[in-house]
Amino acid sequence: QVQLVESGGGLVQAGGSLRLSCAASRTIFIIDTMGWYRQAPGEQRELVADITRDGSTNYANSVKGRFTVSRDNAKNTVYLQMNSLKPEDTAVYYCNAFTKRYSLVYGPYWGHGTQVTVSS
């Protein structure tokens, strides 16, 4: 129904910043809540942040005050601005989204992930 493509990952020093983007493919469905998850080696995938279509946000406690999630509904794109990065932020970051059509919600749909590595 919808494809998600992440970009913006890379290698950064501790204290640095990265901005991740996730673009959803064009669809007749409305893109509802979008979010970011991450998974470190040997760890379970965890929620980083999500955002509803009207802009309400949720953050993991570990990233509050450092990360900001935003979206552009016209572009079907969600962003994650990551500041003051720490080595423990190192993980594969995944975008996800739900879609809506005639009041029915579908999903979640997942991107393939982008690697974020923070060096000491």
N, C-alpha and C. Protein backbone atom coordinates (compact mmCIF):
# COMPACT_ATOMS: atom_id res chain seq x y z
N GLN A 1 0.81 -1.20 0.00
CA GLN A 1 0.00 0.00 0.00
C GLN A 1 0.85 1.26 0.00
N VAL A 2 1.90 1.26 0.79
CA VAL A 2 2.79 2.41 0.86
C VAL A 2 4.21 1.93 1.14
N GLN A 3 5.17 2.60 0.52
CA GLN A 3 6.57 2.31 0.75
C GLN A 3 7.22 3.48 1.48
N LEU A 4 8.13 3.16 2.39
CA LEU A 4 8.82 4.16 3.19
C LEU A 4 10.32 4.05 2.95
N VAL A 5 10.97 5.18 2.72
CA VAL A 5 12.39 5.21 2.45
C VAL A 5 13.06 6.20 3.38
N GLU A 6 13.99 5.70 4.22
CA GLU A 6 14.72 6.54 5.15
C GLU A 6 16.02 7.04 4.52
N SER A 7 16.47 8.18 4.99
CA SER A 7 17.76 8.72 4.57
C SER A 7 18.32 9.60 5.67
N GLY A 8 19.61 9.88 5.60
CA GLY A 8 20.24 10.80 6.53
C GLY A 8 21.11 10.17 7.59
N GLY A 9 21.16 8.85 7.65
CA GLY A 9 22.01 8.19 8.62
C GLY A 9 23.47 8.35 8.26
N GLY A 10 24.33 8.00 9.21
CA GLY A 10 25.76 8.11 8.97
C GLY A 10 26.55 8.01 10.25
N LEU A 11 27.81 8.38 10.14
CA LEU A 11 28.74 8.36 11.26
C LEU A 11 28.95 9.77 11.78
N VAL A 12 28.83 9.94 13.09
CA VAL A 12 28.99 11.25 13.69
C VAL A 12 29.68 11.10 15.05
N GLN A 13 30.41 12.12 15.46
CA GLN A 13 31.05 12.11 16.76
C GLN A 13 30.05 12.42 17.87
N ALA A 14 30.34 11.92 19.06
CA ALA A 14 29.50 12.23 20.21
C ALA A 14 29.36 13.74 20.36
N GLY A 15 28.13 14.18 20.63
CA GLY A 15 27.84 15.59 20.73
C GLY A 15 27.38 16.21 19.43
N GLY A 16 27.51 15.49 18.34
CA GLY A 16 27.12 16.00 17.05
C GLY A 16 25.64 15.81 16.76
N SER A 17 25.26 16.12 15.52
CA SER A 17 23.86 16.08 15.12
C SER A 17 23.68 15.38 13.79
N LEU A 18 22.51 14.80 13.61
CA LEU A 18 22.08 14.22 12.34
C LEU A 18 20.60 14.51 12.17
N ARG A 19 20.17 14.58 10.93
CA ARG A 19 18.76 14.74 10.63
C ARG A 19 18.32 13.61 9.70
N LEU A 20 17.40 12.79 10.18
CA LEU A 20 16.87 11.69 9.40
C LEU A 20 15.58 12.12 8.70
N SER A 21 15.37 11.60 7.51
CA SER A 21 14.14 11.84 6.77
C SER A 21 13.53 10.51 6.36
N CYS A 22 12.22 10.48 6.27
CA CYS A 22 11.51 9.31 5.79
C CYS A 22 10.37 9.78 4.90
N ALA A 23 10.43 9.40 3.64
CA ALA A 23 9.43 9.79 2.67
C ALA A 23 8.53 8.61 2.32
N ALA A 24 7.24 8.82 2.39
CA ALA A 24 6.27 7.81 2.00
C ALA A 24 5.92 7.96 0.53
N SER A 25 5.71 6.84 -0.13
CA SER A 25 5.34 6.87 -1.54
C SER A 25 3.96 7.51 -1.71
N ARG A 26 3.75 8.04 -2.89
CA ARG A 26 2.46 8.66 -3.20
C ARG A 26 1.36 7.62 -3.10
N THR A 27 0.27 8.00 -2.47
CA THR A 27 -0.81 7.06 -2.23
C THR A 27 -2.14 7.80 -2.16
N ILE A 28 -3.22 7.09 -2.45
CA ILE A 28 -4.55 7.66 -2.28
C ILE A 28 -4.97 7.65 -0.81
N PHE A 29 -4.24 6.93 0.00
CA PHE A 29 -4.51 6.88 1.43
C PHE A 29 -3.87 8.07 2.13
N ILE A 30 -4.47 8.50 3.22
CA ILE A 30 -3.90 9.53 4.05
C ILE A 30 -2.84 8.90 4.94
N ILE A 31 -1.69 9.55 5.05
CA ILE A 31 -0.65 9.08 5.96
C ILE A 31 -1.01 9.56 7.36
N ASP A 32 -1.29 8.61 8.24
CA ASP A 32 -1.69 8.95 9.60
C ASP A 32 -0.44 9.07 10.48
N THR A 33 -0.46 8.49 11.66
CA THR A 33 0.69 8.60 12.55
C THR A 33 1.95 8.03 11.90
N MET A 34 3.06 8.75 12.06
CA MET A 34 4.37 8.29 11.59
C MET A 34 5.32 8.29 12.79
N GLY A 35 6.30 7.40 12.73
CA GLY A 35 7.20 7.30 13.86
C GLY A 35 8.58 6.81 13.50
N TRP A 36 9.47 6.90 14.48
CA TRP A 36 10.83 6.40 14.37
C TRP A 36 11.09 5.39 15.47
N TYR A 37 11.65 4.27 15.10
CA TYR A 37 12.09 3.24 16.02
C TYR A 37 13.57 2.98 15.77
N ARG A 38 14.23 2.35 16.74
CA ARG A 38 15.62 1.99 16.55
C ARG A 38 15.90 0.64 17.17
N GLN A 39 16.93 -0.01 16.65
CA GLN A 39 17.33 -1.31 17.14
C GLN A 39 18.85 -1.40 17.14
N ALA A 40 19.41 -1.56 18.33
CA ALA A 40 20.85 -1.75 18.49
C ALA A 40 21.14 -3.25 18.47
N PRO A 41 22.39 -3.64 18.17
CA PRO A 41 22.74 -5.06 18.17
C PRO A 41 22.41 -5.73 19.49
N GLY A 42 21.73 -6.87 19.43
CA GLY A 42 21.37 -7.61 20.62
C GLY A 42 20.22 -7.02 21.41
N GLU A 43 19.62 -5.95 20.92
CA GLU A 43 18.54 -5.29 21.62
C GLU A 43 17.23 -5.43 20.85
N GLN A 44 16.12 -5.21 21.55
CA GLN A 44 14.82 -5.17 20.90
C GLN A 44 14.59 -3.82 20.24
N ARG A 45 13.76 -3.82 19.22
CA ARG A 45 13.40 -2.56 18.60
C ARG A 45 12.56 -1.72 19.57
N GLU A 46 12.88 -0.45 19.67
CA GLU A 46 12.20 0.42 20.60
C GLU A 46 11.72 1.70 19.93
N LEU A 47 10.65 2.24 20.46
CA LEU A 47 10.13 3.52 19.97
C LEU A 47 11.08 4.65 20.34
N VAL A 48 11.40 5.49 19.38
CA VAL A 48 12.17 6.70 19.62
C VAL A 48 11.24 7.90 19.73
N ALA A 49 10.39 8.07 18.73
CA ALA A 49 9.44 9.17 18.71
C ALA A 49 8.37 8.89 17.66
N ASP A 50 7.19 9.44 17.88
CA ASP A 50 6.18 9.39 16.83
C ASP A 50 5.40 10.69 16.82
N ILE A 51 4.62 10.88 15.77
CA ILE A 51 3.90 12.13 15.59
C ILE A 51 2.62 11.87 14.83
N THR A 52 1.52 12.40 15.33
CA THR A 52 0.24 12.27 14.66
C THR A 52 0.16 13.26 13.51
N ARG A 53 -0.87 13.13 12.71
CA ARG A 53 -1.01 14.01 11.56
C ARG A 53 -1.19 15.46 11.97
N ASP A 54 -1.81 15.69 13.13
CA ASP A 54 -2.00 17.06 13.60
C ASP A 54 -0.84 17.59 14.43
N GLY A 55 0.22 16.78 14.60
CA GLY A 55 1.43 17.27 15.22
C GLY A 55 1.67 16.89 16.67
N SER A 56 0.83 16.07 17.26
CA SER A 56 1.07 15.61 18.62
C SER A 56 2.22 14.61 18.64
N THR A 57 3.14 14.75 19.60
CA THR A 57 4.36 13.94 19.60
C THR A 57 4.51 13.11 20.86
N ASN A 58 5.28 12.05 20.74
CA ASN A 58 5.70 11.16 21.82
C ASN A 58 7.19 10.93 21.69
N TYR A 59 7.89 10.86 22.82
CA TYR A 59 9.32 10.59 22.80
C TYR A 59 9.68 9.57 23.86
N ALA A 60 10.68 8.75 23.54
CA ALA A 60 11.28 7.92 24.56
C ALA A 60 12.00 8.82 25.57
N ASN A 61 11.99 8.41 26.83
CA ASN A 61 12.64 9.21 27.86
C ASN A 61 14.12 9.45 27.56
N SER A 62 14.76 8.49 26.94
CA SER A 62 16.19 8.59 26.68
C SER A 62 16.56 9.65 25.66
N VAL A 63 15.59 10.13 24.88
CA VAL A 63 15.89 11.12 23.85
C VAL A 63 15.21 12.46 24.07
N LYS A 64 14.38 12.57 25.09
CA LYS A 64 13.69 13.82 25.36
C LYS A 64 14.69 14.95 25.58
N GLY A 65 14.42 16.07 24.93
CA GLY A 65 15.30 17.21 25.04
C GLY A 65 16.43 17.22 24.05
N ARG A 66 16.67 16.10 23.38
CA ARG A 66 17.75 16.00 22.40
C ARG A 66 17.24 15.78 20.98
N PHE A 67 16.16 15.02 20.84
CA PHE A 67 15.61 14.70 19.52
C PHE A 67 14.30 15.45 19.31
N THR A 68 14.02 15.78 18.07
CA THR A 68 12.76 16.42 17.70
C THR A 68 12.19 15.75 16.46
N VAL A 69 10.95 15.30 16.56
CA VAL A 69 10.27 14.71 15.41
C VAL A 69 9.32 15.74 14.82
N SER A 70 9.26 15.79 13.51
CA SER A 70 8.37 16.71 12.82
C SER A 70 7.91 16.06 11.52
N ARG A 71 6.96 16.69 10.85
CA ARG A 71 6.47 16.13 9.59
C ARG A 71 5.98 17.22 8.66
N ASP A 72 5.96 16.89 7.39
CA ASP A 72 5.42 17.74 6.36
C ASP A 72 4.36 16.92 5.64
N ASN A 73 3.10 17.19 5.93
CA ASN A 73 2.02 16.37 5.38
C ASN A 73 1.91 16.49 3.86
N ALA A 74 2.23 17.65 3.33
CA ALA A 74 2.16 17.84 1.88
C ALA A 74 3.17 16.96 1.16
N LYS A 75 4.29 16.66 1.83
CA LYS A 75 5.33 15.83 1.24
C LYS A 75 5.30 14.39 1.73
N ASN A 76 4.36 14.07 2.61
CA ASN A 76 4.28 12.74 3.21
C ASN A 76 5.63 12.31 3.79
N THR A 77 6.25 13.23 4.51
CA THR A 77 7.59 13.01 5.02
C THR A 77 7.65 13.30 6.52
N VAL A 78 8.37 12.45 7.24
CA VAL A 78 8.62 12.66 8.65
C VAL A 78 10.13 12.82 8.85
N TYR A 79 10.50 13.66 9.82
CA TYR A 79 11.90 13.96 10.09
C TYR A 79 12.23 13.65 11.55
N LEU A 80 13.49 13.37 11.79
CA LEU A 80 13.98 13.22 13.16
C LEU A 80 15.28 14.00 13.27
N GLN A 81 15.23 15.13 13.96
CA GLN A 81 16.42 15.92 14.23
C GLN A 81 17.04 15.39 15.51
N MET A 82 18.28 14.93 15.42
CA MET A 82 18.98 14.32 16.55
C MET A 82 20.16 15.20 16.91
N ASN A 83 20.12 15.77 18.10
CA ASN A 83 21.19 16.61 18.61
C ASN A 83 21.83 15.97 19.84
N SER A 84 23.01 16.46 20.19
CA SER A 84 23.73 15.96 21.36
C SER A 84 23.81 14.44 21.37
N LEU A 85 24.19 13.89 20.24
CA LEU A 85 24.20 12.44 20.09
C LEU A 85 25.21 11.78 21.02
N LYS A 86 24.83 10.60 21.50
CA LYS A 86 25.64 9.81 22.40
C LYS A 86 25.95 8.46 21.77
N PRO A 87 27.04 7.81 22.18
CA PRO A 87 27.33 6.48 21.63
C PRO A 87 26.17 5.50 21.79
N GLU A 88 25.41 5.61 22.86
CA GLU A 88 24.29 4.70 23.07
C GLU A 88 23.13 4.94 22.11
N ASP A 89 23.19 6.00 21.31
CA ASP A 89 22.20 6.22 20.25
C ASP A 89 22.50 5.40 19.01
N THR A 90 23.65 4.77 18.97
CA THR A 90 24.03 3.95 17.82
C THR A 90 23.03 2.82 17.61
N ALA A 91 22.46 2.75 16.42
CA ALA A 91 21.44 1.76 16.11
C ALA A 91 21.03 1.90 14.65
N VAL A 92 20.25 0.95 14.18
CA VAL A 92 19.54 1.12 12.93
C VAL A 92 18.21 1.79 13.24
N TYR A 93 17.94 2.86 12.55
CA TYR A 93 16.72 3.63 12.77
C TYR A 93 15.71 3.31 11.67
N TYR A 94 14.51 2.97 12.08
CA TYR A 94 13.45 2.58 11.17
C TYR A 94 12.29 3.57 11.23
N CYS A 95 11.78 3.89 10.09
CA CYS A 95 10.58 4.70 9.97
C CYS A 95 9.36 3.80 9.89
N ASN A 96 8.25 4.21 10.49
CA ASN A 96 7.01 3.49 10.27
C ASN A 96 5.85 4.46 10.11
N ALA A 97 4.74 3.93 9.61
CA ALA A 97 3.58 4.77 9.35
C ALA A 97 2.32 3.94 9.31
N PHE A 98 1.22 4.59 9.63
CA PHE A 98 -0.11 4.05 9.45
C PHE A 98 -0.81 4.88 8.38
N THR A 99 -1.73 4.25 7.67
CA THR A 99 -2.51 4.96 6.67
C THR A 99 -3.99 4.90 7.02
N LYS A 100 -4.74 5.81 6.45
CA LYS A 100 -6.17 5.88 6.72
C LYS A 100 -6.93 6.13 5.42
N ARG A 101 -8.05 5.45 5.29
CA ARG A 101 -8.93 5.63 4.16
C ARG A 101 -10.36 5.35 4.63
N TYR A 102 -11.25 6.31 4.45
CA TYR A 102 -12.65 6.18 4.86
C TYR A 102 -12.76 5.73 6.32
N SER A 103 -11.97 6.35 7.17
CA SER A 103 -11.97 6.11 8.61
C SER A 103 -11.43 4.75 9.03
N LEU A 104 -10.87 4.00 8.09
CA LEU A 104 -10.22 2.73 8.42
C LEU A 104 -8.71 2.92 8.43
N VAL A 105 -8.06 2.39 9.46
CA VAL A 105 -6.63 2.54 9.63
C VAL A 105 -5.92 1.26 9.24
N TYR A 106 -4.82 1.41 8.50
CA TYR A 106 -4.03 0.28 8.02
C TYR A 106 -2.58 0.45 8.46
N GLY A 107 -1.91 -0.67 8.62
CA GLY A 107 -0.52 -0.65 8.99
C GLY A 107 -0.26 -1.39 10.29
N PRO A 108 0.97 -1.25 10.84
CA PRO A 108 2.02 -0.34 10.41
C PRO A 108 2.81 -0.83 9.19
N TYR A 109 3.35 0.12 8.48
CA TYR A 109 4.27 -0.12 7.39
C TYR A 109 5.66 0.33 7.84
N TRP A 110 6.68 -0.36 7.37
CA TRP A 110 8.05 -0.12 7.82
C TRP A 110 9.00 0.16 6.67
N GLY A 111 9.94 1.06 6.91
CA GLY A 111 11.06 1.23 6.01
C GLY A 111 12.12 0.18 6.30
N HIS A 112 13.18 0.20 5.50
CA HIS A 112 14.25 -0.79 5.65
C HIS A 112 15.34 -0.38 6.63
N GLY A 113 15.31 0.85 7.08
CA GLY A 113 16.23 1.30 8.10
C GLY A 113 17.43 2.06 7.57
N THR A 114 18.00 2.88 8.43
CA THR A 114 19.22 3.61 8.12
C THR A 114 20.13 3.57 9.34
N GLN A 115 21.42 3.32 9.12
CA GLN A 115 22.37 3.14 10.21
C GLN A 115 22.83 4.49 10.75
N VAL A 116 22.78 4.62 12.07
CA VAL A 116 23.35 5.77 12.77
C VAL A 116 24.43 5.25 13.71
N THR A 117 25.64 5.76 13.55
CA THR A 117 26.75 5.36 14.39
C THR A 117 27.36 6.59 15.05
N VAL A 118 27.44 6.57 16.36
CA VAL A 118 27.99 7.69 17.13
C VAL A 118 29.27 7.23 17.79
N SER A 119 30.37 7.86 17.46
CA SER A 119 31.67 7.50 18.01
C SER A 119 31.99 8.33 19.24
N SER A 120 32.80 7.75 20.14
CA SER A 120 33.19 8.43 21.37
C SER A 120 34.23 9.49 21.10
